[in-house]
All heavy atoms as atom14 arrays in JSON, in Angstrom:
{
  "sequence": "NDAPALAAADIGIAMGATGSDAAIESADVAFTGHDLRLLPRAFAH",
  "atom14_mask": [
    [1, 1, 1, 1, 1, 1, 1, 1, 0, 0, 0, 0, 0, 0],
    [1, 1, 1, 1, 1, 1, 1, 1, 0, 0, 0, 0, 0, 0],
    [1, 1, 1, 1, 1, 0, 0, 0, 0, 0, 0, 0, 0, 0],
    [1, 1, 1, 1, 1, 1, 1, 0, 0, 0, 0, 0, 0, 0],
    [1, 1, 1, 1, 1, 0, 0, 0, 0, 0, 0, 0, 0, 0],
    [1, 1, 1, 1, 1, 1, 1, 1, 0, 0, 0, 0, 0, 0],
    [1, 1, 1, 1, 1, 0, 0, 0, 0, 0, 0, 0, 0, 0],
    [1, 1, 1, 1, 1, 0, 0, 0, 0, 0, 0, 0, 0, 0],
    [1, 1, 1, 1, 1, 0, 0, 0, 0, 0, 0, 0, 0, 0],
    [1, 1, 1, 1, 1, 1, 1, 1, 0, 0, 0, 0, 0, 0],
    [1, 1, 1, 1, 1, 1, 1, 1, 0, 0, 0, 0, 0, 0],
    [1, 1, 1, 1, 0, 0, 0, 0, 0, 0, 0, 0, 0, 0],
    [1, 1, 1, 1, 1, 1, 1, 1, 0, 0, 0, 0, 0, 0],
    [1, 1, 1, 1, 1, 0, 0, 0, 0, 0, 0, 0, 0, 0],
    [1, 1, 1, 1, 1, 1, 1, 1, 0, 0, 0, 0, 0, 0],
    [1, 1, 1, 1, 0, 0, 0, 0, 0, 0, 0, 0, 0, 0],
    [1, 1, 1, 1, 1, 0, 0, 0, 0, 0, 0, 0, 0, 0],
    [1, 1, 1, 1, 1, 1, 1, 0, 0, 0, 0, 0, 0, 0],
    [1, 1, 1, 1, 0, 0, 0, 0, 0, 0, 0, 0, 0, 0],
    [1, 1, 1, 1, 1, 1, 0, 0, 0, 0, 0, 0, 0, 0],
    [1, 1, 1, 1, 1, 1, 1, 1, 0, 0, 0, 0, 0, 0],
    [1, 1, 1, 1, 1, 0, 0, 0, 0, 0, 0, 0, 0, 0],
    [1, 1, 1, 1, 1, 0, 0, 0, 0, 0, 0, 0, 0, 0],
    [1, 1, 1, 1, 1, 1, 1, 1, 0, 0, 0, 0, 0, 0],
    [1, 1, 1, 1, 1, 1, 1, 1, 1, 0, 0, 0, 0, 0],
    [1, 1, 1, 1, 1, 1, 0, 0, 0, 0, 0, 0, 0, 0],
    [1, 1, 1, 1, 1, 0, 0, 0, 0, 0, 0, 0, 0, 0],
    [1, 1, 1, 1, 1, 1, 1, 1, 0, 0, 0, 0, 0, 0],
    [1, 1, 1, 1, 1, 1, 1, 0, 0, 0, 0, 0, 0, 0],
    [1, 1, 1, 1, 1, 0, 0, 0, 0, 0, 0, 0, 0, 0],
    [1, 1, 1, 1, 1, 1, 1, 1, 1, 1, 1, 0, 0, 0],
    [1, 1, 1, 1, 1, 1, 1, 0, 0, 0, 0, 0, 0, 0],
    [1, 1, 1, 1, 0, 0, 0, 0, 0, 0, 0, 0, 0, 0],
    [1, 1, 1, 1, 1, 1, 1, 1, 1, 1, 0, 0, 0, 0],
    [1, 1, 1, 1, 1, 1, 1, 1, 0, 0, 0, 0, 0, 0],
    [1, 1, 1, 1, 1, 1, 1, 1, 0, 0, 0, 0, 0, 0],
    [1, 1, 1, 1, 1, 1, 1, 1, 1, 1, 1, 0, 0, 0],
    [1, 1, 1, 1, 1, 1, 1, 1, 0, 0, 0, 0, 0, 0],
    [1, 1, 1, 1, 1, 1, 1, 1, 0, 0, 0, 0, 0, 0],
    [1, 1, 1, 1, 1, 1, 1, 0, 0, 0, 0, 0, 0, 0],
    [1, 1, 1, 1, 1, 1, 1, 1, 1, 1, 1, 0, 0, 0],
    [1, 1, 1, 1, 1, 0, 0, 0, 0, 0, 0, 0, 0, 0],
    [1, 1, 1, 1, 1, 1, 1, 1, 1, 1, 1, 0, 0, 0],
    [1, 1, 1, 1, 1, 0, 0, 0, 0, 0, 0, 0, 0, 0],
    [1, 1, 1, 1, 1, 1, 1, 1, 1, 1, 0, 0, 0, 0]
  ],
  "atom14_positions": [
    [[-10.42, -2.53, -6.58], [-10.7, -3.94, -6.35], [-9.81, -4.53, -5.25], [-10.1, -5.62, -4.74], [-10.5, -4.75, -7.64], [-11.55, -4.44, -8.69], [-12.65, -4.0, -8.36], [-11.2, -4.64, -9.94], [0.0, 0.0, 0.0], [0.0, 0.0, 0.0], [0.0, 0.0, 0.0], [0.0, 0.0, 0.0], [0.0, 0.0, 0.0], [0.0, 0.0, 0.0]],
    [[-8.74, -3.83, -4.9], [-7.83, -4.32, -3.87], [-8.24, -3.88, -2.47], [-7.7, -4.37, -1.48], [-6.4, -3.82, -4.14], [-5.85, -4.33, -5.46], [-6.15, -5.48, -5.8], [-5.12, -3.58, -6.13], [0.0, 0.0, 0.0], [0.0, 0.0, 0.0], [0.0, 0.0, 0.0], [0.0, 0.0, 0.0], [0.0, 0.0, 0.0], [0.0, 0.0, 0.0]],
    [[-9.18, -2.94, -2.36], [-9.53, -2.35, -1.06], [-9.96, -3.38, -0.02], [-9.48, -3.34, 1.12], [-10.6, -1.28, -1.25], [0.0, 0.0, 0.0], [0.0, 0.0, 0.0], [0.0, 0.0, 0.0], [0.0, 0.0, 0.0], [0.0, 0.0, 0.0], [0.0, 0.0, 0.0], [0.0, 0.0, 0.0], [0.0, 0.0, 0.0], [0.0, 0.0, 0.0]],
    [[-10.87, -4.33, -0.34], [-11.25, -5.31, 0.69], [-10.07, -6.15, 1.17], [-9.96, -6.45, 2.37], [-12.31, -6.18, -0.03], [-12.84, -5.31, -1.11], [-11.67, -4.5, -1.57], [0.0, 0.0, 0.0], [0.0, 0.0, 0.0], [0.0, 0.0, 0.0], [0.0, 0.0, 0.0], [0.0, 0.0, 0.0], [0.0, 0.0, 0.0], [0.0, 0.0, 0.0]],
    [[-9.18, -6.54, 0.26], [-8.03, -7.35, 0.64], [-7.04, -6.53, 1.47], [-6.44, -7.04, 2.42], [-7.34, -7.91, -0.61], [0.0, 0.0, 0.0], [0.0, 0.0, 0.0], [0.0, 0.0, 0.0], [0.0, 0.0, 0.0], [0.0, 0.0, 0.0], [0.0, 0.0, 0.0], [0.0, 0.0, 0.0], [0.0, 0.0, 0.0], [0.0, 0.0, 0.0]],
    [[-6.86, -5.26, 1.12], [-5.97, -4.39, 1.89], [-6.47, -4.24, 3.33], [-5.69, -4.25, 4.28], [-5.88, -3.01, 1.23], [-5.07, -2.92, -0.06], [-5.31, -1.59, -0.76], [-3.59, -3.13, 0.2], [0.0, 0.0, 0.0], [0.0, 0.0, 0.0], [0.0, 0.0, 0.0], [0.0, 0.0, 0.0], [0.0, 0.0, 0.0], [0.0, 0.0, 0.0]],
    [[-7.79, -4.13, 3.48], [-8.37, -3.99, 4.81], [-8.26, -5.3, 5.6], [-8.13, -5.28, 6.83], [-9.82, -3.55, 4.71], [0.0, 0.0, 0.0], [0.0, 0.0, 0.0], [0.0, 0.0, 0.0], [0.0, 0.0, 0.0], [0.0, 0.0, 0.0], [0.0, 0.0, 0.0], [0.0, 0.0, 0.0], [0.0, 0.0, 0.0], [0.0, 0.0, 0.0]],
    [[-8.31, -6.44, 4.91], [-8.28, -7.74, 5.59], [-6.88, -8.16, 6.0], [-6.72, -8.99, 6.9], [-8.89, -8.81, 4.67], [0.0, 0.0, 0.0], [0.0, 0.0, 0.0], [0.0, 0.0, 0.0], [0.0, 0.0, 0.0], [0.0, 0.0, 0.0], [0.0, 0.0, 0.0], [0.0, 0.0, 0.0], [0.0, 0.0, 0.0], [0.0, 0.0, 0.0]],
    [[-5.85, -7.61, 5.36], [-4.47, -8.02, 5.64], [-3.98, -7.45, 6.97], [-4.51, -6.46, 7.47], [-3.55, -7.54, 4.51], [0.0, 0.0, 0.0], [0.0, 0.0, 0.0], [0.0, 0.0, 0.0], [0.0, 0.0, 0.0], [0.0, 0.0, 0.0], [0.0, 0.0, 0.0], [0.0, 0.0, 0.0], [0.0, 0.0, 0.0], [0.0, 0.0, 0.0]],
    [[-2.97, -8.1, 7.53], [-2.35, -7.57, 8.75], [-1.74, -6.2, 8.47], [-1.8, -5.3, 9.31], [-1.27, -8.54, 9.25], [-1.85, -9.87, 9.68], [-2.57, -9.9, 10.69], [-1.59, -10.87, 9.0], [0.0, 0.0, 0.0], [0.0, 0.0, 0.0], [0.0, 0.0, 0.0], [0.0, 0.0, 0.0], [0.0, 0.0, 0.0], [0.0, 0.0, 0.0]],
    [[-1.12, -6.07, 7.3], [-0.58, -4.78, 6.86], [-1.03, -4.56, 5.42], [-0.71, -5.35, 4.54], [0.96, -4.75, 6.94], [1.44, -5.01, 8.35], [1.49, -3.41, 6.43], [2.95, -5.11, 8.48], [0.0, 0.0, 0.0], [0.0, 0.0, 0.0], [0.0, 0.0, 0.0], [0.0, 0.0, 0.0], [0.0, 0.0, 0.0], [0.0, 0.0, 0.0]],
    [[-1.77, -3.49, 5.18], [-2.19, -3.13, 3.84], [-1.29, -2.03, 3.31], [-1.1, -1.0, 3.98], [0.0, 0.0, 0.0], [0.0, 0.0, 0.0], [0.0, 0.0, 0.0], [0.0, 0.0, 0.0], [0.0, 0.0, 0.0], [0.0, 0.0, 0.0], [0.0, 0.0, 0.0], [0.0, 0.0, 0.0], [0.0, 0.0, 0.0], [0.0, 0.0, 0.0]],
    [[-0.72, -2.23, 2.13], [0.22, -1.27, 1.55], [-0.33, -0.79, 0.21], [-0.49, -1.59, -0.71], [1.62, -1.89, 1.36], [2.15, -2.41, 2.69], [2.58, -0.87, 0.76], [3.45, -3.18, 2.57], [0.0, 0.0, 0.0], [0.0, 0.0, 0.0], [0.0, 0.0, 0.0], [0.0, 0.0, 0.0], [0.0, 0.0, 0.0], [0.0, 0.0, 0.0]],
    [[-0.63, 0.5, 0.11], [-1.09, 1.09, -1.14], [0.11, 1.67, -1.88], [0.89, 2.42, -1.3], [-2.13, 2.18, -0.88], [0.0, 0.0, 0.0], [0.0, 0.0, 0.0], [0.0, 0.0, 0.0], [0.0, 0.0, 0.0], [0.0, 0.0, 0.0], [0.0, 0.0, 0.0], [0.0, 0.0, 0.0], [0.0, 0.0, 0.0], [0.0, 0.0, 0.0]],
    [[0.25, 1.3, -3.14], [1.38, 1.77, -3.93], [0.98, 2.97, -4.77], [0.02, 2.92, -5.53], [1.87, 0.66, -4.86], [2.57, -0.49, -4.16], [4.07, 0.01, -3.27], [5.05, 0.73, -4.58], [0.0, 0.0, 0.0], [0.0, 0.0, 0.0], [0.0, 0.0, 0.0], [0.0, 0.0, 0.0], [0.0, 0.0, 0.0], [0.0, 0.0, 0.0]],
    [[1.72, 4.07, -4.62], [1.52, 5.23, -5.47], [0.43, 6.15, -4.98], [-0.67, 5.72, -4.64], [0.0, 0.0, 0.0], [0.0, 0.0, 0.0], [0.0, 0.0, 0.0], [0.0, 0.0, 0.0], [0.0, 0.0, 0.0], [0.0, 0.0, 0.0], [0.0, 0.0, 0.0], [0.0, 0.0, 0.0], [0.0, 0.0, 0.0], [0.0, 0.0, 0.0]],
    [[0.73, 7.43, -4.94], [-0.26, 8.43, -4.52], [-1.41, 8.55, -5.51], [-2.46, 9.08, -5.19], [0.42, 9.78, -4.34], [0.0, 0.0, 0.0], [0.0, 0.0, 0.0], [0.0, 0.0, 0.0], [0.0, 0.0, 0.0], [0.0, 0.0, 0.0], [0.0, 0.0, 0.0], [0.0, 0.0, 0.0], [0.0, 0.0, 0.0], [0.0, 0.0, 0.0]],
    [[-1.21, 8.06, -6.75], [-2.26, 8.15, -7.76], [-3.16, 6.92, -7.76], [-4.01, 6.78, -8.62], [-1.63, 8.31, -9.17], [-0.76, 7.19, -9.43], [-0.85, 9.6, -9.25], [0.0, 0.0, 0.0], [0.0, 0.0, 0.0], [0.0, 0.0, 0.0], [0.0, 0.0, 0.0], [0.0, 0.0, 0.0], [0.0, 0.0, 0.0], [0.0, 0.0, 0.0]],
    [[-2.98, 6.02, -6.79], [-3.86, 4.87, -6.68], [-5.26, 5.3, -6.3], [-5.53, 6.46, -5.99], [0.0, 0.0, 0.0], [0.0, 0.0, 0.0], [0.0, 0.0, 0.0], [0.0, 0.0, 0.0], [0.0, 0.0, 0.0], [0.0, 0.0, 0.0], [0.0, 0.0, 0.0], [0.0, 0.0, 0.0], [0.0, 0.0, 0.0], [0.0, 0.0, 0.0]],
    [[-6.21, 4.36, -6.34], [-7.59, 4.7, -6.03], [-7.71, 5.16, -4.58], [-6.99, 4.69, -3.7], [-8.49, 3.49, -6.28], [-8.39, 2.56, -5.23], [0.0, 0.0, 0.0], [0.0, 0.0, 0.0], [0.0, 0.0, 0.0], [0.0, 0.0, 0.0], [0.0, 0.0, 0.0], [0.0, 0.0, 0.0], [0.0, 0.0, 0.0], [0.0, 0.0, 0.0]],
    [[-8.65, 6.08, -4.34], [-8.86, 6.59, -2.98], [-9.27, 5.48, -2.04], [-8.88, 5.46, -0.87], [-9.93, 7.69, -3.0], [-9.45, 8.95, -3.71], [-8.22, 9.12, -3.83], [-10.29, 9.75, -4.14], [0.0, 0.0, 0.0], [0.0, 0.0, 0.0], [0.0, 0.0, 0.0], [0.0, 0.0, 0.0], [0.0, 0.0, 0.0], [0.0, 0.0, 0.0]],
    [[-10.08, 4.53, -2.56], [-10.55, 3.43, -1.71], [-9.37, 2.58, -1.25], [-9.33, 2.14, -0.09], [-11.55, 2.57, -2.48], [0.0, 0.0, 0.0], [0.0, 0.0, 0.0], [0.0, 0.0, 0.0], [0.0, 0.0, 0.0], [0.0, 0.0, 0.0], [0.0, 0.0, 0.0], [0.0, 0.0, 0.0], [0.0, 0.0, 0.0], [0.0, 0.0, 0.0]],
    [[-8.41, 2.32, -2.14], [-7.25, 1.52, -1.77], [-6.39, 2.24, -0.74], [-5.95, 1.65, 0.24], [-6.42, 1.2, -3.02], [0.0, 0.0, 0.0], [0.0, 0.0, 0.0], [0.0, 0.0, 0.0], [0.0, 0.0, 0.0], [0.0, 0.0, 0.0], [0.0, 0.0, 0.0], [0.0, 0.0, 0.0], [0.0, 0.0, 0.0], [0.0, 0.0, 0.0]],
    [[-6.18, 3.54, -0.95], [-5.34, 4.3, -0.02], [-5.99, 4.39, 1.34], [-5.33, 4.26, 2.38], [-5.07, 5.71, -0.6], [-4.2, 5.59, -1.87], [-4.38, 6.6, 0.43], [-4.0, 6.9, -2.59], [0.0, 0.0, 0.0], [0.0, 0.0, 0.0], [0.0, 0.0, 0.0], [0.0, 0.0, 0.0], [0.0, 0.0, 0.0], [0.0, 0.0, 0.0]],
    [[-7.31, 4.59, 1.39], [-8.02, 4.69, 2.67], [-8.03, 3.35, 3.4], [-8.03, 3.31, 4.63], [-9.46, 5.17, 2.44], [-9.58, 6.62, 2.04], [-9.11, 7.57, 3.13], [-9.27, 7.24, 4.32], [-8.57, 8.65, 2.8], [0.0, 0.0, 0.0], [0.0, 0.0, 0.0], [0.0, 0.0, 0.0], [0.0, 0.0, 0.0], [0.0, 0.0, 0.0]],
    [[-8.05, 2.25, 2.67], [-8.11, 0.92, 3.29], [-6.75, 0.45, 3.77], [-6.67, -0.46, 4.61], [-8.67, -0.1, 2.28], [-9.97, 0.26, 1.86], [0.0, 0.0, 0.0], [0.0, 0.0, 0.0], [0.0, 0.0, 0.0], [0.0, 0.0, 0.0], [0.0, 0.0, 0.0], [0.0, 0.0, 0.0], [0.0, 0.0, 0.0], [0.0, 0.0, 0.0]],
    [[-5.68, 1.04, 3.25], [-4.33, 0.58, 3.57], [-3.84, 1.16, 4.89], [-4.31, 2.2, 5.36], [-3.37, 0.96, 2.44], [0.0, 0.0, 0.0], [0.0, 0.0, 0.0], [0.0, 0.0, 0.0], [0.0, 0.0, 0.0], [0.0, 0.0, 0.0], [0.0, 0.0, 0.0], [0.0, 0.0, 0.0], [0.0, 0.0, 0.0], [0.0, 0.0, 0.0]],
    [[-2.88, 0.47, 5.48], [-2.21, 0.97, 6.68], [-1.03, 1.86, 6.33], [-0.68, 2.77, 7.08], [-1.7, -0.21, 7.54], [-2.83, -1.13, 7.95], [-3.7, -0.69, 8.72], [-2.85, -2.3, 7.51], [0.0, 0.0, 0.0], [0.0, 0.0, 0.0], [0.0, 0.0, 0.0], [0.0, 0.0, 0.0], [0.0, 0.0, 0.0], [0.0, 0.0, 0.0]],
    [[-0.41, 1.57, 5.18], [0.76, 2.32, 4.72], [0.54, 2.7, 3.27], [0.04, 1.89, 2.48], [2.05, 1.47, 4.84], [3.26, 2.25, 4.35], [2.26, 1.0, 6.27], [0.0, 0.0, 0.0], [0.0, 0.0, 0.0], [0.0, 0.0, 0.0], [0.0, 0.0, 0.0], [0.0, 0.0, 0.0], [0.0, 0.0, 0.0], [0.0, 0.0, 0.0]],
    [[0.88, 3.93, 2.9], [0.78, 4.37, 1.51], [2.13, 4.89, 1.05], [2.68, 5.8, 1.66], [-0.29, 5.45, 1.36], [0.0, 0.0, 0.0], [0.0, 0.0, 0.0], [0.0, 0.0, 0.0], [0.0, 0.0, 0.0], [0.0, 0.0, 0.0], [0.0, 0.0, 0.0], [0.0, 0.0, 0.0], [0.0, 0.0, 0.0], [0.0, 0.0, 0.0]],
    [[2.68, 4.29, -0.01], [3.93, 4.76, -0.59], [3.61, 5.78, -1.68], [2.72, 5.56, -2.51], [4.71, 3.6, -1.21], [5.33, 2.67, -0.2], [5.55, 1.34, -0.53], [5.68, 3.1, 1.05], [6.12, 0.47, 0.4], [6.25, 2.26, 1.98], [6.46, 0.94, 1.65], [0.0, 0.0, 0.0], [0.0, 0.0, 0.0], [0.0, 0.0, 0.0]],
    [[4.32, 6.9, -1.66], [4.1, 7.91, -2.68], [4.73, 7.52, -4.01], [4.32, 7.99, -5.06], [4.66, 9.27, -2.23], [6.05, 9.11, -1.92], [3.93, 9.78, -1.0], [0.0, 0.0, 0.0], [0.0, 0.0, 0.0], [0.0, 0.0, 0.0], [0.0, 0.0, 0.0], [0.0, 0.0, 0.0], [0.0, 0.0, 0.0], [0.0, 0.0, 0.0]],
    [[5.73, 6.67, -3.97], [6.41, 6.25, -5.2], [5.81, 4.98, -5.77], [4.97, 4.32, -5.16], [0.0, 0.0, 0.0], [0.0, 0.0, 0.0], [0.0, 0.0, 0.0], [0.0, 0.0, 0.0], [0.0, 0.0, 0.0], [0.0, 0.0, 0.0], [0.0, 0.0, 0.0], [0.0, 0.0, 0.0], [0.0, 0.0, 0.0], [0.0, 0.0, 0.0]],
    [[6.26, 4.62, -6.96], [5.77, 3.43, -7.64], [6.83, 2.33, -7.74], [6.55, 1.24, -8.22], [5.3, 3.78, -9.06], [4.1, 4.67, -9.09], [2.81, 4.19, -9.03], [3.99, 6.03, -9.14], [1.95, 5.2, -9.07], [2.65, 6.32, -9.14], [0.0, 0.0, 0.0], [0.0, 0.0, 0.0], [0.0, 0.0, 0.0], [0.0, 0.0, 0.0]],
    [[8.05, 2.63, -7.3], [9.14, 1.67, -7.4], [8.94, 0.58, -6.34], [9.0, 0.84, -5.14], [10.48, 2.37, -7.18], [11.67, 1.49, -7.54], [11.51, 0.24, -7.53], [12.75, 2.03, -7.81], [0.0, 0.0, 0.0], [0.0, 0.0, 0.0], [0.0, 0.0, 0.0], [0.0, 0.0, 0.0], [0.0, 0.0, 0.0], [0.0, 0.0, 0.0]],
    [[8.72, -0.65, -6.79], [8.44, -1.75, -5.86], [9.66, -2.13, -5.02], [9.52, -2.87, -4.04], [7.95, -2.98, -6.64], [6.55, -2.83, -7.24], [6.23, -4.02, -8.13], [5.49, -2.69, -6.16], [0.0, 0.0, 0.0], [0.0, 0.0, 0.0], [0.0, 0.0, 0.0], [0.0, 0.0, 0.0], [0.0, 0.0, 0.0], [0.0, 0.0, 0.0]],
    [[10.84, -1.62, -5.38], [12.01, -1.89, -4.55], [11.91, -1.22, -3.19], [12.68, -1.5, -2.28], [13.28, -1.43, -5.29], [13.7, -2.37, -6.42], [14.82, -1.81, -7.24], [14.4, -0.64, -7.99], [15.13, -0.09, -8.97], [16.3, -0.6, -9.28], [14.68, 0.97, -9.62], [0.0, 0.0, 0.0], [0.0, 0.0, 0.0], [0.0, 0.0, 0.0]],
    [[10.91, -0.33, -3.04], [10.63, 0.25, -1.73], [10.19, -0.81, -0.73], [10.42, -0.67, 0.48], [9.53, 1.32, -1.84], [9.89, 2.62, -2.56], [8.63, 3.43, -2.84], [10.87, 3.44, -1.74], [0.0, 0.0, 0.0], [0.0, 0.0, 0.0], [0.0, 0.0, 0.0], [0.0, 0.0, 0.0], [0.0, 0.0, 0.0], [0.0, 0.0, 0.0]],
    [[9.56, -1.88, -1.22], [8.99, -2.88, -0.31], [10.04, -3.62, 0.52], [9.97, -3.59, 1.75], [8.14, -3.87, -1.11], [6.88, -3.3, -1.74], [6.22, -4.34, -2.64], [5.9, -2.83, -0.68], [0.0, 0.0, 0.0], [0.0, 0.0, 0.0], [0.0, 0.0, 0.0], [0.0, 0.0, 0.0], [0.0, 0.0, 0.0], [0.0, 0.0, 0.0]],
    [[11.02, -4.29, -0.1], [12.02, -4.96, 0.73], [12.81, -4.01, 1.6], [13.19, -4.36, 2.72], [12.92, -5.68, -0.29], [12.65, -5.02, -1.6], [11.24, -4.54, -1.54], [0.0, 0.0, 0.0], [0.0, 0.0, 0.0], [0.0, 0.0, 0.0], [0.0, 0.0, 0.0], [0.0, 0.0, 0.0], [0.0, 0.0, 0.0], [0.0, 0.0, 0.0]],
    [[13.03, -2.78, 1.12], [13.74, -1.8, 1.94], [12.9, -1.41, 3.15], [13.42, -1.25, 4.27], [14.07, -0.56, 1.1], [15.22, -0.79, 0.11], [15.25, 0.22, -1.0], [15.29, 1.59, -0.5], [15.17, 2.66, -1.3], [15.01, 2.5, -2.61], [15.23, 3.86, -0.81], [0.0, 0.0, 0.0], [0.0, 0.0, 0.0], [0.0, 0.0, 0.0]],
    [[11.58, -1.28, 2.96], [10.7, -0.93, 4.08], [10.65, -2.06, 5.1], [10.67, -1.82, 6.31], [9.3, -0.62, 3.56], [0.0, 0.0, 0.0], [0.0, 0.0, 0.0], [0.0, 0.0, 0.0], [0.0, 0.0, 0.0], [0.0, 0.0, 0.0], [0.0, 0.0, 0.0], [0.0, 0.0, 0.0], [0.0, 0.0, 0.0], [0.0, 0.0, 0.0]],
    [[10.56, -3.3, 4.62], [10.53, -4.45, 5.54], [11.83, -4.54, 6.33], [11.82, -4.81, 7.54], [10.28, -5.74, 4.76], [8.89, -5.86, 4.2], [8.68, -6.45, 2.97], [7.8, -5.39, 4.91], [7.39, -6.56, 2.44], [6.52, -5.49, 4.4], [6.31, -6.08, 3.15], [0.0, 0.0, 0.0], [0.0, 0.0, 0.0], [0.0, 0.0, 0.0]],
    [[12.95, -4.35, 5.65], [14.24, -4.41, 6.33], [14.36, -3.29, 7.36], [14.88, -3.5, 8.47], [15.39, -4.31, 5.31], [0.0, 0.0, 0.0], [0.0, 0.0, 0.0], [0.0, 0.0, 0.0], [0.0, 0.0, 0.0], [0.0, 0.0, 0.0], [0.0, 0.0, 0.0], [0.0, 0.0, 0.0], [0.0, 0.0, 0.0], [0.0, 0.0, 0.0]],
    [[13.87, -2.1, 7.03], [13.92, -0.97, 7.96], [13.04, -1.25, 9.19], [13.43, -0.94, 10.32], [13.45, 0.29, 7.25], [13.58, 1.54, 8.08], [14.79, 2.02, 8.52], [12.64, 2.39, 8.57], [14.6, 3.12, 9.23], [13.3, 3.36, 9.28], [0.0, 0.0, 0.0], [0.0, 0.0, 0.0], [0.0, 0.0, 0.0], [0.0, 0.0, 0.0]]
  ]
}
């Protein structure tokens, strides 16, 4: 259900390699982990 929004965003981020294929394909970035603390670290990097 997140795939259309991921495609519409400037940056689409799919969380977790076990997420839906549609979400991962629609995203610009896919994190293999599920820890959301990856997000602020990625933005800072």
